[in-house]
C-alpha cells in the first residue's frame, strides 16, 4: 500500500498545478464570451481589434475595424479577449 502513495502524490500535484488552473481559465473565457454585447471592443485570435456592432446569432459577431470602419463577420469563438485602453498602453 505504501508503494502507491508517491504515485498518488504525483497525480495530486499535476491536478493542482495543471488541471485546476486550466479549468478556471476556461470558465473565465466562457463567461467573457457569454457576456459580449454591442459596443464592446474585442481582440480576435488573429490580433484584429474592433468594436462589436451586431450579434447575429449565438455564434456570429459583426465587428467594425478602424480607421476605415470596415465591418468583419467573425465567429464568437475567434474572440480572444476584451480590449481596454489601460492594458494596451502598458
PDB file of N, CA and C in Angstrom:
ATOM      1  N   UNK A   1       0.808  -1.195   0.000  1.00  0.00           N
ATOM      2  CA  UNK A   1       0.000   0.000   0.000  1.00  0.00           C
ATOM      3  C   UNK A   1       0.854   1.264   0.000  1.00  0.00           C
ATOM      4  N   UNK A   2       1.946   1.253   0.702  1.00  0.00           N
ATOM      5  CA  UNK A   2       2.825   2.412   0.781  1.00  0.00           C
ATOM      6  C   UNK A   2       3.488   2.729  -0.556  1.00  0.00           C
ATOM      7  N   UNK A   3       3.604   1.754  -1.426  1.00  0.00           N
ATOM      8  CA  UNK A   3       4.262   1.990  -2.708  1.00  0.00           C
ATOM      9  C   UNK A   3       3.398   2.832  -3.651  1.00  0.00           C
ATOM     10  N   UNK A   4       2.109   2.946  -3.398  1.00  0.00           N
ATOM     11  CA  UNK A   4       1.214   3.726  -4.250  1.00  0.00           C
ATOM     12  C   UNK A   4       1.120   5.197  -3.828  1.00  0.00           C
ATOM     13  N   UNK A   5       1.593   5.526  -2.660  1.00  0.00           N
ATOM     14  CA  UNK A   5       1.499   6.896  -2.151  1.00  0.00           C
ATOM     15  C   UNK A   5       2.281   7.887  -3.017  1.00  0.00           C
ATOM     16  N   UNK A   6       3.514   7.602  -3.447  1.00  0.00           N
ATOM     17  CA  UNK A   6       4.218   8.565  -4.319  1.00  0.00           C
ATOM     18  C   UNK A   6       3.494   8.808  -5.648  1.00  0.00           C
ATOM     19  N   UNK A   7       2.919   7.766  -6.220  1.00  0.00           N
ATOM     20  CA  UNK A   7       2.194   7.918  -7.483  1.00  0.00           C
ATOM     21  C   UNK A   7       0.949   8.778  -7.269  1.00  0.00           C
ATOM     22  N   UNK A   8       0.240   8.563  -6.194  1.00  0.00           N
ATOM     23  CA  UNK A   8      -0.932   9.369  -5.882  1.00  0.00           C
ATOM     24  C   UNK A   8      -0.565  10.830  -5.631  1.00  0.00           C
ATOM     25  N   UNK A   9       0.564  11.053  -4.963  1.00  0.00           N
ATOM     26  CA  UNK A   9       1.031  12.418  -4.732  1.00  0.00           C
ATOM     27  C   UNK A   9       1.374  13.113  -6.044  1.00  0.00           C
ATOM     28  N   UNK A  10       1.983  12.405  -6.967  1.00  0.00           N
ATOM     29  CA  UNK A  10       2.313  12.986  -8.271  1.00  0.00           C
ATOM     30  C   UNK A  10       1.040  13.377  -9.019  1.00  0.00           C
ATOM     31  N   UNK A  11       0.032  12.503  -9.018  1.00  0.00           N
ATOM     32  CA  UNK A  11      -1.238  12.831  -9.669  1.00  0.00           C
ATOM     33  C   UNK A  11      -1.903  14.031  -9.002  1.00  0.00           C
ATOM     34  N   UNK A  12      -1.834  14.110  -7.687  1.00  0.00           N
ATOM     35  CA  UNK A  12      -2.410  15.234  -6.963  1.00  0.00           C
ATOM     36  C   UNK A  12      -1.706  16.542  -7.336  1.00  0.00           C
ATOM     37  N   UNK A  13      -0.391  16.518  -7.421  1.00  0.00           N
ATOM     38  CA  UNK A  13       0.371  17.714  -7.794  1.00  0.00           C
ATOM     39  C   UNK A  13       0.038  18.146  -9.219  1.00  0.00           C
ATOM     40  N   UNK A  14      -0.045  17.187 -10.150  1.00  0.00           N
ATOM     41  CA  UNK A  14      -0.409  17.522 -11.523  1.00  0.00           C
ATOM     42  C   UNK A  14      -1.798  18.148 -11.575  1.00  0.00           C
ATOM     43  N   UNK A  15      -2.719  17.604 -10.816  1.00  0.00           N
ATOM     44  CA  UNK A  15      -4.066  18.146 -10.799  1.00  0.00           C
ATOM     45  C   UNK A  15      -4.065  19.583 -10.280  1.00  0.00           C
ATOM     46  N   UNK A  16      -3.362  19.834  -9.186  1.00  0.00           N
ATOM     47  CA  UNK A  16      -3.356  21.160  -8.583  1.00  0.00           C
ATOM     48  C   UNK A  16      -2.609  22.185  -9.424  1.00  0.00           C
ATOM     49  N   UNK A  17      -1.541  21.778 -10.100  1.00  0.00           N
ATOM     50  CA  UNK A  17      -0.730  22.724 -10.854  1.00  0.00           C
ATOM     51  C   UNK A  17      -1.154  22.884 -12.309  1.00  0.00           C
ATOM     52  N   UNK A  18      -1.776  21.876 -12.898  1.00  0.00           N
ATOM     53  CA  UNK A  18      -2.119  21.949 -14.317  1.00  0.00           C
ATOM     54  C   UNK A  18      -3.616  22.007 -14.579  1.00  0.00           C
ATOM     55  N   UNK A  19      -4.349  21.048 -14.112  1.00  0.00           N
ATOM     56  CA  UNK A  19      -5.746  20.917 -14.496  1.00  0.00           C
ATOM     57  C   UNK A  19      -6.650  21.941 -13.830  1.00  0.00           C
ATOM     58  N   UNK A  20      -6.438  22.228 -12.586  1.00  0.00           N
ATOM     59  CA  UNK A  20      -7.273  23.187 -11.876  1.00  0.00           C
ATOM     60  C   UNK A  20      -7.163  24.595 -12.468  1.00  0.00           C
ATOM     61  N   UNK A  21      -5.945  25.122 -12.732  1.00  0.00           N
ATOM     62  CA  UNK A  21      -5.862  26.442 -13.374  1.00  0.00           C
ATOM     63  C   UNK A  21      -6.431  26.461 -14.796  1.00  0.00           C
ATOM     64  N   UNK A  22      -6.283  25.369 -15.544  1.00  0.00           N
ATOM     65  CA  UNK A  22      -6.856  25.315 -16.888  1.00  0.00           C
ATOM     66  C   UNK A  22      -8.376  25.380 -16.848  1.00  0.00           C
ATOM     67  N   UNK A  23      -8.978  24.697 -15.903  1.00  0.00           N
ATOM     68  CA  UNK A  23     -10.430  24.729 -15.774  1.00  0.00           C
ATOM     69  C   UNK A  23     -10.913  26.131 -15.392  1.00  0.00           C
ATOM     70  N   UNK A  24     -10.178  26.799 -14.517  1.00  0.00           N
ATOM     71  CA  UNK A  24     -10.538  28.150 -14.115  1.00  0.00           C
ATOM     72  C   UNK A  24     -10.434  29.112 -15.294  1.00  0.00           C
ATOM     73  N   UNK A  25      -9.369  28.996 -16.083  1.00  0.00           N
ATOM     74  CA  UNK A  25      -9.182  29.855 -17.244  1.00  0.00           C
ATOM     75  C   UNK A  25     -10.258  29.603 -18.297  1.00  0.00           C
ATOM     76  N   UNK A  26     -10.612  28.346 -18.514  1.00  0.00           N
ATOM     77  CA  UNK A  26     -11.650  28.001 -19.483  1.00  0.00           C
ATOM     78  C   UNK A  26     -13.000  28.573 -19.045  1.00  0.00           C
ATOM     79  N   UNK A  27     -13.280  28.535 -17.757  1.00  0.00           N
ATOM     80  CA  UNK A  27     -14.541  29.083 -17.240  1.00  0.00           C
ATOM     81  C   UNK A  27     -14.579  30.598 -17.411  1.00  0.00           C
ATOM     82  N   UNK A  28     -13.467  31.284 -17.144  1.00  0.00           N
ATOM     83  CA  UNK A  28     -13.412  32.729 -17.315  1.00  0.00           C
ATOM     84  C   UNK A  28     -13.625  33.119 -18.775  1.00  0.00           C
ATOM     85  N   UNK A  29     -13.025  32.378 -19.710  1.00  0.00           N
ATOM     86  CA  UNK A  29     -13.190  32.658 -21.130  1.00  0.00           C
ATOM     87  C   UNK A  29     -14.633  32.438 -21.565  1.00  0.00           C
ATOM     88  N   UNK A  30     -15.260  31.366 -21.090  1.00  0.00           N
ATOM     89  CA  UNK A  30     -16.658  31.096 -21.434  1.00  0.00           C
ATOM     90  C   UNK A  30     -17.576  32.184 -20.873  1.00  0.00           C
ATOM     91  N   UNK A  31     -17.310  32.644 -19.657  1.00  0.00           N
ATOM     92  CA  UNK A  31     -18.111  33.717 -19.065  1.00  0.00           C
ATOM     93  C   UNK A  31     -17.953  35.021 -19.852  1.00  0.00           C
ATOM     94  N   UNK A  32     -16.717  35.321 -20.280  1.00  0.00           N
ATOM     95  CA  UNK A  32     -16.460  36.535 -21.054  1.00  0.00           C
ATOM     96  C   UNK A  32     -17.183  36.468 -22.396  1.00  0.00           C
ATOM     97  N   UNK A  33     -17.139  35.328 -23.064  1.00  0.00           N
ATOM     98  CA  UNK A  33     -17.792  35.194 -24.361  1.00  0.00           C
ATOM     99  C   UNK A  33     -19.313  35.279 -24.232  1.00  0.00           C
ATOM    100  N   UNK A  34     -19.854  34.759 -23.149  1.00  0.00           N
ATOM    101  CA  UNK A  34     -21.301  34.823 -22.944  1.00  0.00           C
ATOM    102  C   UNK A  34     -21.758  36.244 -22.631  1.00  0.00           C
ATOM    103  N   UNK A  35     -20.876  37.073 -22.083  1.00  0.00           N
ATOM    104  CA  UNK A  35     -21.238  38.426 -21.682  1.00  0.00           C
ATOM    105  C   UNK A  35     -20.956  39.471 -22.759  1.00  0.00           C
ATOM    106  N   UNK A  36     -20.514  39.076 -23.944  1.00  0.00           N
ATOM    107  CA  UNK A  36     -20.237  40.048 -25.000  1.00  0.00           C
ATOM    108  C   UNK A  36     -21.523  40.763 -25.398  1.00  0.00           C
ATOM    109  N   UNK A  37     -21.385  42.078 -25.651  1.00  0.00           N
ATOM    110  CA  UNK A  37     -22.547  42.870 -26.044  1.00  0.00           C
ATOM    111  C   UNK A  37     -22.112  43.916 -27.068  1.00  0.00           C
ATOM    112  N   UNK A  38     -23.091  44.533 -27.706  1.00  0.00           N
ATOM    113  CA  UNK A  38     -22.801  45.572 -28.692  1.00  0.00           C
ATOM    114  C   UNK A  38     -22.024  46.710 -28.039  1.00  0.00           C
ATOM    115  N   UNK A  39     -21.020  47.209 -28.760  1.00  0.00           N
ATOM    116  CA  UNK A  39     -20.207  48.305 -28.241  1.00  0.00           C
ATOM    117  C   UNK A  39     -18.934  47.869 -27.559  1.00  0.00           C
ATOM    118  N   UNK A  40     -18.810  46.610 -27.186  1.00  0.00           N
ATOM    119  CA  UNK A  40     -17.576  46.126 -26.566  1.00  0.00           C
ATOM    120  C   UNK A  40     -16.448  46.117 -27.599  1.00  0.00           C
ATOM    121  N   UNK A  41     -15.264  46.491 -27.171  1.00  0.00           N
ATOM    122  CA  UNK A  41     -14.088  46.417 -28.030  1.00  0.00           C
ATOM    123  C   UNK A  41     -13.363  45.127 -27.708  1.00  0.00           C
ATOM    124  N   UNK A  42     -13.099  44.325 -28.748  1.00  0.00           N
ATOM    125  CA  UNK A  42     -12.522  42.999 -28.566  1.00  0.00           C
ATOM    126  C   UNK A  42     -11.266  42.837 -29.401  1.00  0.00           C
ATOM    127  N   UNK A  43     -10.459  41.861 -29.008  1.00  0.00           N
ATOM    128  CA  UNK A  43      -9.286  41.444 -29.768  1.00  0.00           C
ATOM    129  C   UNK A  43      -9.536  40.018 -30.222  1.00  0.00           C
ATOM    130  N   UNK A  44      -9.352  39.765 -31.516  1.00  0.00           N
ATOM    131  CA  UNK A  44      -9.562  38.422 -32.036  1.00  0.00           C
ATOM    132  C   UNK A  44      -8.291  37.598 -31.879  1.00  0.00           C
ATOM    133  N   UNK A  45      -8.392  36.304 -32.145  1.00  0.00           N
ATOM    134  CA  UNK A  45      -7.222  35.435 -32.073  1.00  0.00           C
ATOM    135  C   UNK A  45      -6.167  35.835 -33.098  1.00  0.00           C
ATOM    136  N   UNK A  46      -6.577  36.481 -34.185  1.00  0.00           N
ATOM    137  CA  UNK A  46      -5.649  36.937 -35.211  1.00  0.00           C
ATOM    138  C   UNK A  46      -5.035  38.291 -34.907  1.00  0.00           C
ATOM    139  N   UNK A  47      -5.445  38.930 -33.806  1.00  0.00           N
ATOM    140  CA  UNK A  47      -4.883  40.210 -33.403  1.00  0.00           C
ATOM    141  C   UNK A  47      -5.650  41.411 -33.915  1.00  0.00           C
ATOM    142  N   UNK A  48      -6.805  41.217 -34.516  1.00  0.00           N
ATOM    143  CA  UNK A  48      -7.615  42.320 -35.018  1.00  0.00           C
ATOM    144  C   UNK A  48      -8.398  42.925 -33.859  1.00  0.00           C
ATOM    145  N   UNK A  49      -8.356  44.259 -33.765  1.00  0.00           N
ATOM    146  CA  UNK A  49      -9.064  44.975 -32.709  1.00  0.00           C
ATOM    147  C   UNK A  49     -10.248  45.686 -33.341  1.00  0.00           C
ATOM    148  N   UNK A  50     -11.428  45.466 -32.794  1.00  0.00           N
ATOM    149  CA  UNK A  50     -12.616  46.115 -33.329  1.00  0.00           C
ATOM    150  C   UNK A  50     -13.722  46.139 -32.301  1.00  0.00           C
ATOM    151  N   UNK A  51     -14.744  46.952 -32.591  1.00  0.00           N
ATOM    152  CA  UNK A  51     -15.870  47.037 -31.670  1.00  0.00           C
ATOM    153  C   UNK A  51     -17.044  46.256 -32.243  1.00  0.00           C
ATOM    154  N   UNK A  52     -17.778  45.608 -31.374  1.00  0.00           N
ATOM    155  CA  UNK A  52     -18.904  44.779 -31.791  1.00  0.00           C
ATOM    156  C   UNK A  52     -20.042  45.692 -32.231  1.00  0.00           C
ATOM    157  N   UNK A  53     -20.502  45.499 -33.457  1.00  0.00           N
ATOM    158  CA  UNK A  53     -21.632  46.248 -33.980  1.00  0.00           C
ATOM    159  C   UNK A  53     -22.929  45.468 -33.822  1.00  0.00           C
ATOM    160  N   UNK A  54     -22.885  44.176 -34.166  1.00  0.00           N
ATOM    161  CA  UNK A  54     -24.092  43.359 -34.151  1.00  0.00           C
ATOM    162  C   UNK A  54     -23.740  41.954 -33.695  1.00  0.00           C
ATOM    163  N   UNK A  55     -24.629  41.358 -32.938  1.00  0.00           N
ATOM    164  CA  UNK A  55     -24.519  39.946 -32.598  1.00  0.00           C
ATOM    165  C   UNK A  55     -25.614  39.254 -33.402  1.00  0.00           C
ATOM    166  N   UNK A  56     -25.204  38.547 -34.482  1.00  0.00           N
ATOM    167  CA  UNK A  56     -26.175  37.986 -35.413  1.00  0.00           C
ATOM    168  C   UNK A  56     -26.930  36.807 -34.828  1.00  0.00           C
ATOM    169  N   UNK A  57     -26.233  35.861 -34.288  1.00  0.00           N
ATOM    170  CA  UNK A  57     -26.860  34.728 -33.610  1.00  0.00           C
ATOM    171  C   UNK A  57     -25.909  34.311 -32.495  1.00  0.00           C
ATOM    172  N   UNK A  58     -26.076  33.155 -31.973  1.00  0.00           N
ATOM    173  CA  UNK A  58     -25.244  32.753 -30.841  1.00  0.00           C
ATOM    174  C   UNK A  58     -23.770  32.605 -31.193  1.00  0.00           C
ATOM    175  N   UNK A  59     -23.456  32.385 -32.471  1.00  0.00           N
ATOM    176  CA  UNK A  59     -22.071  32.086 -32.825  1.00  0.00           C
ATOM    177  C   UNK A  59     -21.406  33.101 -33.741  1.00  0.00           C
ATOM    178  N   UNK A  60     -22.085  34.170 -34.155  1.00  0.00           N
ATOM    179  CA  UNK A  60     -21.526  35.098 -35.129  1.00  0.00           C
ATOM    180  C   UNK A  60     -21.628  36.534 -34.635  1.00  0.00           C
ATOM    181  N   UNK A  61     -20.540  37.287 -34.827  1.00  0.00           N
ATOM    182  CA  UNK A  61     -20.488  38.699 -34.463  1.00  0.00           C
ATOM    183  C   UNK A  61     -20.079  39.507 -35.683  1.00  0.00           C
ATOM    184  N   UNK A  62     -20.532  40.747 -35.751  1.00  0.00           N
ATOM    185  CA  UNK A  62     -20.046  41.693 -36.746  1.00  0.00           C
ATOM    186  C   UNK A  62     -19.276  42.746 -35.976  1.00  0.00           C
ATOM    187  N   UNK A  63     -17.988  42.905 -36.321  1.00  0.00           N
ATOM    188  CA  UNK A  63     -17.173  43.917 -35.656  1.00  0.00           C
ATOM    189  C   UNK A  63     -16.783  44.984 -36.667  1.00  0.00           C
ATOM    190  N   UNK A  64     -16.597  46.203 -36.180  1.00  0.00           N
ATOM    191  CA  UNK A  64     -16.176  47.327 -37.007  1.00  0.00           C
ATOM    192  C   UNK A  64     -14.731  47.633 -36.647  1.00  0.00           C
ATOM    193  N   UNK A  65     -13.883  47.658 -37.694  1.00  0.00           N
ATOM    194  CA  UNK A  65     -12.450  47.861 -37.511  1.00  0.00           C
ATOM    195  C   UNK A  65     -12.091  49.253 -38.011  1.00  0.00           C
ATOM    196  N   UNK A  66     -11.380  50.001 -37.210  1.00  0.00           N
ATOM    197  CA  UNK A  66     -10.937  51.340 -37.589  1.00  0.00           C
ATOM    198  C   UNK A  66      -9.666  51.236 -38.416  1.00  0.00           C
ATOM    199  N   UNK A  67      -9.243  52.167 -39.187  1.00  0.00           N
ATOM    200  CA  UNK A  67      -9.729  53.525 -39.365  1.00  0.00           C
ATOM    201  C   UNK A  67     -10.777  53.666 -40.461  1.00  0.00           C
ATOM    202  N   UNK A  68     -10.950  52.668 -41.308  1.00  0.00           N
ATOM    203  CA  UNK A  68     -11.881  52.793 -42.440  1.00  0.00           C
ATOM    204  C   UNK A  68     -13.270  52.268 -42.130  1.00  0.00           C
ATOM    205  N   UNK A  69     -13.525  51.894 -40.888  1.00  0.00           N
ATOM    206  CA  UNK A  69     -14.821  51.357 -40.457  1.00  0.00           C
ATOM    207  C   UNK A  69     -15.252  50.140 -41.274  1.00  0.00           C
ATOM    208  N   UNK A  70     -14.309  49.269 -41.517  1.00  0.00           N
ATOM    209  CA  UNK A  70     -14.583  48.030 -42.229  1.00  0.00           C
ATOM    210  C   UNK A  70     -15.334  47.095 -41.282  1.00  0.00           C
ATOM    211  N   UNK A  71     -16.388  46.453 -41.794  1.00  0.00           N
ATOM    212  CA  UNK A  71     -17.141  45.505 -40.983  1.00  0.00           C
ATOM    213  C   UNK A  71     -16.679  44.094 -41.307  1.00  0.00           C
ATOM    214  N   UNK A  72     -16.389  43.318 -40.271  1.00  0.00           N
ATOM    215  CA  UNK A  72     -15.967  41.930 -40.418  1.00  0.00           C
ATOM    216  C   UNK A  72     -16.938  41.037 -39.667  1.00  0.00           C
ATOM    217  N   UNK A  73     -17.280  39.934 -40.289  1.00  0.00           N
ATOM    218  CA  UNK A  73     -18.137  38.949 -39.625  1.00  0.00           C
ATOM    219  C   UNK A  73     -17.228  37.837 -39.120  1.00  0.00           C
ATOM    220  N   UNK A  74     -17.262  37.596 -37.817  1.00  0.00           N
ATOM    221  CA  UNK A  74     -16.379  36.603 -37.209  1.00  0.00           C
ATOM    222  C   UNK A  74     -17.190  35.662 -36.333  1.00  0.00           C
ATOM    223  N   UNK A  75     -16.601  34.535 -36.040  1.00  0.00           N
ATOM    224  CA  UNK A  75     -17.206  33.600 -35.092  1.00  0.00           C
ATOM    225  C   UNK A  75     -16.944  34.102 -33.681  1.00  0.00           C
ATOM    226  N   UNK A  76     -17.884  33.855 -32.808  1.00  0.00           N
ATOM    227  CA  UNK A  76     -17.718  34.258 -31.405  1.00  0.00           C
ATOM    228  C   UNK A  76     -16.485  33.598 -30.791  1.00  0.00           C
ATOM    229  N   UNK A  77     -16.179  32.386 -31.210  1.00  0.00           N
ATOM    230  CA  UNK A  77     -15.023  31.675 -30.664  1.00  0.00           C
ATOM    231  C   UNK A  77     -13.698  32.289 -31.107  1.00  0.00           C
ATOM    232  N   UNK A  78     -13.711  33.204 -32.096  1.00  0.00           N
ATOM    233  CA  UNK A  78     -12.486  33.868 -32.545  1.00  0.00           C
ATOM    234  C   UNK A  78     -12.096  35.017 -31.633  1.00  0.00           C
ATOM    235  N   UNK A  79     -12.939  35.381 -30.688  1.00  0.00           N
ATOM    236  CA  UNK A  79     -12.629  36.470 -29.757  1.00  0.00           C
ATOM    237  C   UNK A  79     -11.676  35.941 -28.690  1.00  0.00           C
ATOM    238  N   UNK A  80     -10.531  36.608 -28.584  1.00  0.00           N
ATOM    239  CA  UNK A  80      -9.540  36.184 -27.597  1.00  0.00           C
ATOM    240  C   UNK A  80      -9.750  36.876 -26.256  1.00  0.00           C
ATOM    241  N   UNK A  81     -10.057  38.191 -26.298  1.00  0.00           N
ATOM    242  CA  UNK A  81     -10.225  38.920 -25.049  1.00  0.00           C
ATOM    243  C   UNK A  81     -10.914  40.248 -25.308  1.00  0.00           C
ATOM    244  N   UNK A  82     -11.322  40.886 -24.233  1.00  0.00           N
ATOM    245  CA  UNK A  82     -11.823  42.250 -24.316  1.00  0.00           C
ATOM    246  C   UNK A  82     -10.627  43.186 -24.351  1.00  0.00           C
ATOM    247  N   UNK A  83     -10.752  44.257 -25.093  1.00  0.00           N
ATOM    248  CA  UNK A  83      -9.658  45.216 -25.248  1.00  0.00           C
ATOM    249  C   UNK A  83      -9.954  46.432 -24.390  1.00  0.00           C
ATOM    250  N   UNK A  84      -8.976  46.866 -23.628  1.00  0.00           N
ATOM    251  CA  UNK A  84      -9.141  48.090 -22.863  1.00  0.00           C
ATOM    252  C   UNK A  84      -7.913  48.962 -23.078  1.00  0.00           C
ATOM    253  N   UNK A  85      -8.126  50.257 -23.103  1.00  0.00           N
ATOM    254  CA  UNK A  85      -7.040  51.210 -23.362  1.00  0.00           C
ATOM    255  C   UNK A  85      -5.956  51.145 -22.283  1.00  0.00           C
ATOM    256  N   UNK A  86      -6.345  50.892 -21.044  1.00  0.00           N
ATOM    257  CA  UNK A  86      -5.362  50.854 -19.962  1.00  0.00           C
ATOM    258  C   UNK A  86      -4.347  49.732 -20.151  1.00  0.00           C
ATOM    259  N   UNK A  87      -4.824  48.545 -20.556  1.00  0.00           N
ATOM    260  CA  UNK A  87      -3.901  47.421 -20.730  1.00  0.00           C
ATOM    261  C   UNK A  87      -3.090  47.567 -22.005  1.00  0.00           C
ATOM    262  N   UNK A  88      -3.599  48.297 -23.003  1.00  0.00           N
ATOM    263  CA  UNK A  88      -2.882  48.463 -24.261  1.00  0.00           C
ATOM    264  C   UNK A  88      -1.713  49.425 -24.115  1.00  0.00           C
ATOM    265  N   UNK A  89      -1.803  50.388 -23.212  1.00  0.00           N
ATOM    266  CA  UNK A  89      -0.758  51.397 -23.054  1.00  0.00           C
ATOM    267  C   UNK A  89       0.364  50.962 -22.139  1.00  0.00           C
ATOM    268  N   UNK A  90       0.256  49.829 -21.511  1.00  0.00           N
ATOM    269  CA  UNK A  90       1.308  49.372 -20.582  1.00  0.00           C
ATOM    270  C   UNK A  90       2.475  48.812 -21.322  1.00  0.00           C
TER     271      UNK A  90
END
